[in-house]
Amino acid sequence: MVAQNMSTGGKVVAGLMAVAALILVHQYWTGTGVGSVLWSGSPTSTVQLKVVDEVTAYDQSARSEGMKDMNLDWYYGNLHAVVAEGKRDDVLIVCIHGEEEGATWRDWEQNLGVLTDYGQVVMLDMPGFGESTLPEKRGSDPRCRKSAIELILKTLKFLDEGDDRKMIMLAKGLNTRPAIEYFRFGSAKTVAAPRLAGMVIVSGAYNGESSKLMLRYSKVLVIWSEVDPVIDAKHSDKLLTQFEVADRIVLPKLKTHAPQKESPLLFESALRSWVNEKEVI
């Protein structure tokens, strides 16, 4: 569905984009297209999944409805995030942008149409990005970024005793590492990790300790553009070895480090199909 004030011409364009994305996904997921298989469970195994049932245009109205700013005072200054209310109250979706110049919470804004279907969405401005303060000498410290995640979850009461919501976390680029390692210690390990239903890594990189124990409760998706000019897709092979069980989706014919922004329809179609096929929540 598109915003009501969209022109007739805009609706036609959105419709054509949706059809094109559906055809492209169908070709790659059924093996009728040109190129490699879209899904693979590990660097050495391949799994074919059914074609996605539906591709819908992003609902532009989601940008302004049910969204609010969060500005939190903490040891490092100001931490900013945006929260969008979802259609379910039993799932929290946490979105963490990458570290490329200009990255902010808005890197996920075009995906709210699908994300809010699954639950409440919180999109962070990581320390030193967007409206979040750049801590002196600590902005790139993984401990600072993990503390940012902890503060957001505490503020949204996810770590409260008795809270039983599930969580899906999406992390991009170099912020994949603090996102994964957040679940290593303390309440994150004992309270948050068992309720992490899914971890979605977008064009990510991880060279820390094995995450097999940290994410042993959750299902993992590694998603990449066919050609990534920042982090080569070959790194996804190494990334997959970090998990006991993980799926990989390569988005065909895309040449970008930000597939969720450059081709939101294709990205969302792949994400929705994975969540549904794997029964993540």
Protein backbone atom coordinates (compact mmCIF):
# COMPACT_ATOMS: atom_id res chain seq x y z
CA MET A 1 0.00 0.00 0.00
CA VAL A 2 1.28 3.49 -0.78
CA ALA A 3 0.38 6.83 0.73
CA GLN A 4 -3.02 8.17 -0.29
CA ASN A 5 -1.60 11.43 -1.58
CA MET A 6 0.67 9.67 -4.03
CA SER A 7 -0.13 10.60 -7.63
CA THR A 8 -1.54 8.09 -10.09
CA GLY A 9 1.77 8.10 -11.91
CA GLY A 10 3.58 7.35 -8.65
CA LYS A 11 1.29 4.40 -7.99
CA VAL A 12 2.00 3.02 -11.45
CA VAL A 13 5.76 3.32 -10.91
CA ALA A 14 5.53 1.69 -7.48
CA GLY A 15 3.46 -1.11 -8.95
CA LEU A 16 5.94 -1.74 -11.75
CA MET A 17 8.81 -1.78 -9.23
CA ALA A 18 6.97 -4.31 -7.11
CA VAL A 19 6.29 -6.56 -10.11
CA ALA A 20 9.91 -6.30 -11.24
CA ALA A 21 11.17 -7.21 -7.78
CA LEU A 22 8.80 -10.17 -7.59
CA ILE A 23 9.95 -11.46 -10.98
CA LEU A 24 13.60 -11.09 -10.00
CA VAL A 25 13.13 -12.88 -6.69
CA HIS A 26 11.12 -15.62 -8.40
CA GLN A 27 13.80 -16.19 -11.03
CA TYR A 28 16.56 -16.54 -8.49
CA TRP A 29 14.65 -18.54 -5.94
CA THR A 30 13.26 -21.04 -8.40
CA GLY A 31 16.45 -21.36 -10.42
CA THR A 32 14.98 -19.91 -13.62
CA GLY A 33 17.14 -16.82 -13.57
CA VAL A 34 20.79 -16.38 -14.45
CA GLY A 35 23.38 -16.66 -11.70
CA SER A 36 23.92 -18.40 -8.40
CA VAL A 37 21.37 -19.75 -5.95
CA LEU A 38 20.01 -17.08 -3.65
CA TRP A 39 19.90 -19.04 -0.41
CA SER A 40 22.68 -21.05 1.16
CA GLY A 41 22.86 -22.51 4.62
CA SER A 42 26.65 -22.56 4.80
CA PRO A 43 29.61 -22.02 2.44
CA THR A 44 29.34 -25.66 1.40
CA SER A 45 25.60 -26.37 1.41
CA THR A 46 22.66 -24.96 -0.49
CA VAL A 47 18.99 -24.85 0.35
CA GLN A 48 16.24 -23.79 -2.04
CA LEU A 49 13.25 -22.01 -0.54
CA LYS A 50 9.87 -21.25 -2.01
CA VAL A 51 9.29 -18.05 -3.93
CA VAL A 52 8.05 -15.18 -1.82
CA ASP A 53 4.28 -14.92 -1.93
CA GLU A 54 3.97 -11.18 -2.18
CA VAL A 55 5.98 -8.04 -2.85
CA THR A 56 4.35 -4.78 -1.78
CA ALA A 57 5.44 -1.20 -2.19
CA TYR A 58 6.74 0.51 0.93
CA ASP A 59 3.99 2.33 2.79
CA GLN A 60 5.24 5.91 2.82
CA SER A 61 2.71 6.87 5.50
CA ALA A 62 4.66 4.76 8.01
CA ARG A 63 7.31 7.47 8.09
CA SER A 64 5.16 9.91 10.00
CA GLU A 65 2.70 7.71 11.87
CA GLY A 66 3.46 6.27 15.28
CA MET A 67 7.09 7.45 15.42
CA LYS A 68 8.79 9.27 18.27
CA ASP A 69 12.27 10.50 19.12
CA MET A 70 14.23 9.28 22.13
CA ASN A 71 17.08 11.39 23.51
CA LEU A 72 18.76 9.73 26.46
CA ASP A 73 21.38 11.23 28.76
CA TRP A 74 24.17 8.81 29.61
CA TYR A 75 27.81 8.68 30.55
CA TYR A 76 28.94 9.48 26.99
CA GLY A 77 26.51 12.36 26.34
CA ASN A 78 23.31 12.11 24.30
CA LEU A 79 22.03 8.91 22.74
CA HIS A 80 19.35 9.34 20.09
CA ALA A 81 16.96 6.77 18.68
CA VAL A 82 13.62 6.71 16.87
CA VAL A 83 10.84 4.34 17.86
CA ALA A 84 8.05 3.25 15.52
CA GLU A 85 5.07 1.41 16.92
CA GLY A 86 4.30 -1.93 15.30
CA LYS A 87 1.34 -4.20 14.68
CA ARG A 88 2.47 -6.65 17.38
CA ASP A 89 3.41 -6.02 20.99
CA ASP A 90 5.27 -9.28 21.61
CA VAL A 91 8.31 -8.54 19.42
CA LEU A 92 10.95 -5.78 19.54
CA ILE A 93 12.93 -5.00 16.36
CA VAL A 94 16.32 -3.33 16.98
CA CYS A 95 18.06 -1.70 13.99
CA ILE A 96 21.74 -0.74 14.10
CA HIS A 97 23.26 1.16 11.17
CA GLY A 98 26.79 0.77 9.82
CA GLU A 99 29.84 2.98 10.30
CA GLU A 100 30.06 4.57 6.87
CA GLU A 101 30.02 8.37 6.67
CA GLY A 102 26.53 9.81 7.00
CA ALA A 103 24.99 6.67 8.51
CA THR A 104 22.02 7.31 10.83
CA TRP A 105 18.79 5.70 11.99
CA ARG A 106 17.30 6.78 8.65
CA ASP A 107 19.22 3.97 6.95
CA TRP A 108 16.28 1.75 8.00
CA GLU A 109 13.46 4.23 7.41
CA GLN A 110 12.47 2.84 4.03
CA ASN A 111 12.03 -0.61 5.58
CA LEU A 112 9.48 0.37 8.22
CA GLY A 113 6.65 -1.01 6.11
CA VAL A 114 7.83 -4.59 6.71
CA LEU A 115 9.55 -4.14 10.07
CA THR A 116 6.50 -2.72 11.83
CA ASP A 117 4.51 -5.76 10.68
CA TYR A 118 6.57 -7.80 13.15
CA GLY A 119 6.63 -5.49 16.15
CA GLN A 120 7.81 -2.27 17.73
CA VAL A 121 10.90 -0.92 15.93
CA VAL A 122 13.74 1.06 17.49
CA MET A 123 16.38 2.56 15.17
CA LEU A 124 19.53 3.83 16.86
CA ASP A 125 21.88 6.65 16.06
CA MET A 126 25.04 4.95 17.27
CA PRO A 127 27.55 7.09 19.26
CA GLY A 128 29.07 9.73 17.02
CA PHE A 129 26.41 9.40 14.30
CA GLY A 130 23.27 11.38 13.57
CA GLU A 131 22.04 13.11 16.73
CA SER A 132 24.04 10.98 19.15
CA THR A 133 27.04 12.55 20.84
CA LEU A 134 30.55 11.59 19.76
CA PRO A 135 32.27 10.47 22.98
CA GLU A 136 35.78 11.76 23.46
CA LYS A 137 38.30 9.00 22.66
CA ARG A 138 35.61 6.34 23.00
CA GLY A 139 33.39 6.73 19.94
CA SER A 140 34.84 3.75 18.12
CA ASP A 141 35.24 1.64 21.25
CA PRO A 142 33.02 -1.46 20.94
CA ARG A 143 32.25 -1.18 24.66
CA CYS A 144 30.70 2.23 24.08
CA ARG A 145 28.52 0.92 21.27
CA LYS A 146 27.48 -2.12 23.29
CA SER A 147 26.55 0.21 26.15
CA ALA A 148 24.33 2.13 23.74
CA ILE A 149 22.43 -1.05 22.90
CA GLU A 150 22.09 -1.88 26.59
CA LEU A 151 20.69 1.57 27.41
CA ILE A 152 18.08 1.37 24.66
CA LEU A 153 16.90 -2.07 25.78
CA LYS A 154 16.69 -0.94 29.40
CA THR A 155 14.75 2.17 28.43
CA LEU A 156 12.26 0.11 26.46
CA LYS A 157 12.02 -2.25 29.47
CA PHE A 158 13.09 -5.26 27.44
CA LEU A 159 15.44 -6.36 30.24
CA ASP A 160 12.83 -6.00 32.98
CA GLU A 161 11.96 -9.06 35.02
CA GLY A 162 8.80 -10.59 33.63
CA ASP A 163 9.12 -9.13 30.14
CA ASP A 164 8.71 -11.97 27.67
CA ARG A 165 8.96 -10.20 24.31
CA LYS A 166 11.10 -11.70 21.56
CA MET A 167 13.68 -9.64 19.68
CA ILE A 168 14.97 -9.47 16.14
CA MET A 169 18.15 -7.43 15.69
CA LEU A 170 19.35 -6.04 12.37
CA ALA A 171 22.97 -4.90 12.27
CA LYS A 172 24.89 -3.49 9.34
CA GLY A 173 28.52 -3.20 8.29
CA LEU A 174 31.20 -2.81 10.94
CA ASN A 175 28.64 -2.42 13.71
CA THR A 176 27.96 -6.12 13.33
CA ARG A 177 30.69 -6.82 15.89
CA PRO A 178 29.33 -4.78 18.83
CA ALA A 179 25.83 -6.03 18.01
CA ILE A 180 26.94 -9.67 18.27
CA GLU A 181 29.28 -9.21 21.21
CA TYR A 182 26.62 -7.35 23.17
CA PHE A 183 25.13 -10.76 23.98
CA ARG A 184 28.34 -12.02 25.55
CA PHE A 185 28.15 -10.81 29.16
CA GLY A 186 25.84 -9.95 32.03
CA SER A 187 22.11 -9.47 31.58
CA ALA A 188 22.59 -9.47 27.82
CA LYS A 189 23.82 -13.07 28.03
CA THR A 190 21.34 -14.31 30.62
CA VAL A 191 18.21 -12.27 29.79
CA ALA A 192 18.42 -10.89 26.24
CA ALA A 193 20.21 -13.69 24.38
CA PRO A 194 17.62 -16.41 25.11
CA ARG A 195 14.91 -14.11 23.72
CA LEU A 196 16.84 -13.11 20.59
CA ALA A 197 14.73 -14.88 17.98
CA GLY A 198 16.69 -13.64 14.98
CA MET A 199 19.90 -11.81 14.09
CA VAL A 200 20.02 -10.24 10.62
CA ILE A 201 23.48 -9.16 9.45
CA VAL A 202 23.49 -6.81 6.46
CA SER A 203 26.77 -6.43 4.55
CA GLY A 204 28.54 -7.12 7.80
CA ALA A 205 31.96 -8.04 9.06
CA TYR A 206 32.92 -9.90 12.21
CA ASN A 207 36.42 -10.88 13.24
CA GLY A 208 35.92 -11.35 16.95
CA GLU A 209 35.54 -14.52 18.95
CA SER A 210 33.22 -17.24 17.74
CA SER A 211 29.60 -16.27 18.29
CA LYS A 212 28.35 -19.87 18.32
CA LEU A 213 27.75 -19.70 22.06
CA MET A 214 26.57 -16.09 22.15
CA LEU A 215 23.82 -16.64 19.59
CA ARG A 216 23.06 -20.28 20.22
CA TYR A 217 19.39 -19.51 20.88
CA SER A 218 18.70 -17.49 17.73
CA LYS A 219 18.37 -17.94 13.99
CA VAL A 220 20.83 -15.98 11.89
CA LEU A 221 20.54 -14.45 8.44
CA VAL A 222 23.49 -13.00 6.53
CA ILE A 223 22.31 -10.80 3.66
CA TRP A 224 24.53 -9.19 1.03
CA SER A 225 24.44 -7.49 -2.34
CA GLU A 226 25.89 -9.52 -5.19
CA VAL A 227 28.59 -6.84 -5.48
CA ASP A 228 29.50 -4.82 -2.38
CA PRO A 229 32.01 -2.01 -3.03
CA VAL A 230 32.85 -1.64 0.69
CA ILE A 231 32.96 -5.16 2.17
CA ASP A 232 33.40 -7.86 -0.45
CA ALA A 233 30.70 -10.53 -0.43
CA LYS A 234 33.38 -13.21 -0.03
CA HIS A 235 33.55 -12.19 3.63
CA SER A 236 30.14 -13.76 4.09
CA ASP A 237 31.82 -17.19 3.79
CA LYS A 238 33.94 -16.49 6.86
CA LEU A 239 31.01 -14.89 8.64
CA LEU A 240 28.88 -17.99 8.26
CA THR A 241 31.49 -20.10 10.03
CA GLN A 242 30.88 -18.05 13.18
CA PHE A 243 27.45 -19.58 13.71
CA GLU A 244 26.13 -23.05 14.38
CA VAL A 245 23.27 -22.48 11.94
CA ALA A 246 22.92 -19.55 9.56
CA ASP A 247 21.30 -18.71 6.25
CA ARG A 248 22.75 -16.47 3.57
CA ILE A 249 20.88 -14.43 1.00
CA VAL A 250 22.75 -12.78 -1.87
CA LEU A 251 20.58 -10.13 -3.50
CA PRO A 252 21.14 -10.55 -7.23
CA LYS A 253 22.38 -7.82 -9.52
CA LEU A 254 22.76 -5.28 -6.73
CA LYS A 255 25.98 -3.29 -6.48
CA THR A 256 25.71 -1.49 -3.17
CA HIS A 257 26.78 -1.62 0.47
CA ALA A 258 23.28 -0.59 1.54
CA PRO A 259 20.78 -2.96 -0.09
CA GLN A 260 18.05 -2.04 2.39
CA LYS A 261 18.22 1.55 1.08
CA GLU A 262 19.07 1.06 -2.58
CA SER A 263 16.57 -1.75 -3.23
CA PRO A 264 14.12 -1.81 -0.33
CA LEU A 265 11.52 -3.93 -2.13
CA LEU A 266 13.96 -6.74 -2.88
CA PHE A 267 15.51 -6.51 0.58
CA GLU A 268 12.15 -6.59 2.31
CA SER A 269 10.94 -9.50 0.17
CA ALA A 270 13.97 -11.56 1.15
CA LEU A 271 13.64 -10.59 4.82
CA ARG A 272 9.94 -11.35 5.00
CA SER A 273 10.40 -14.72 3.31
CA TRP A 274 13.21 -15.70 5.69
CA VAL A 275 11.20 -14.73 8.77
CA ASN A 276 8.19 -16.69 7.51
CA GLU A 277 10.00 -19.74 6.10
CA LYS A 278 12.24 -20.15 9.14
CA GLU A 279 9.43 -19.35 11.59
CA VAL A 280 11.67 -16.85 13.36
CA ILE A 281 8.81 -15.47 15.45
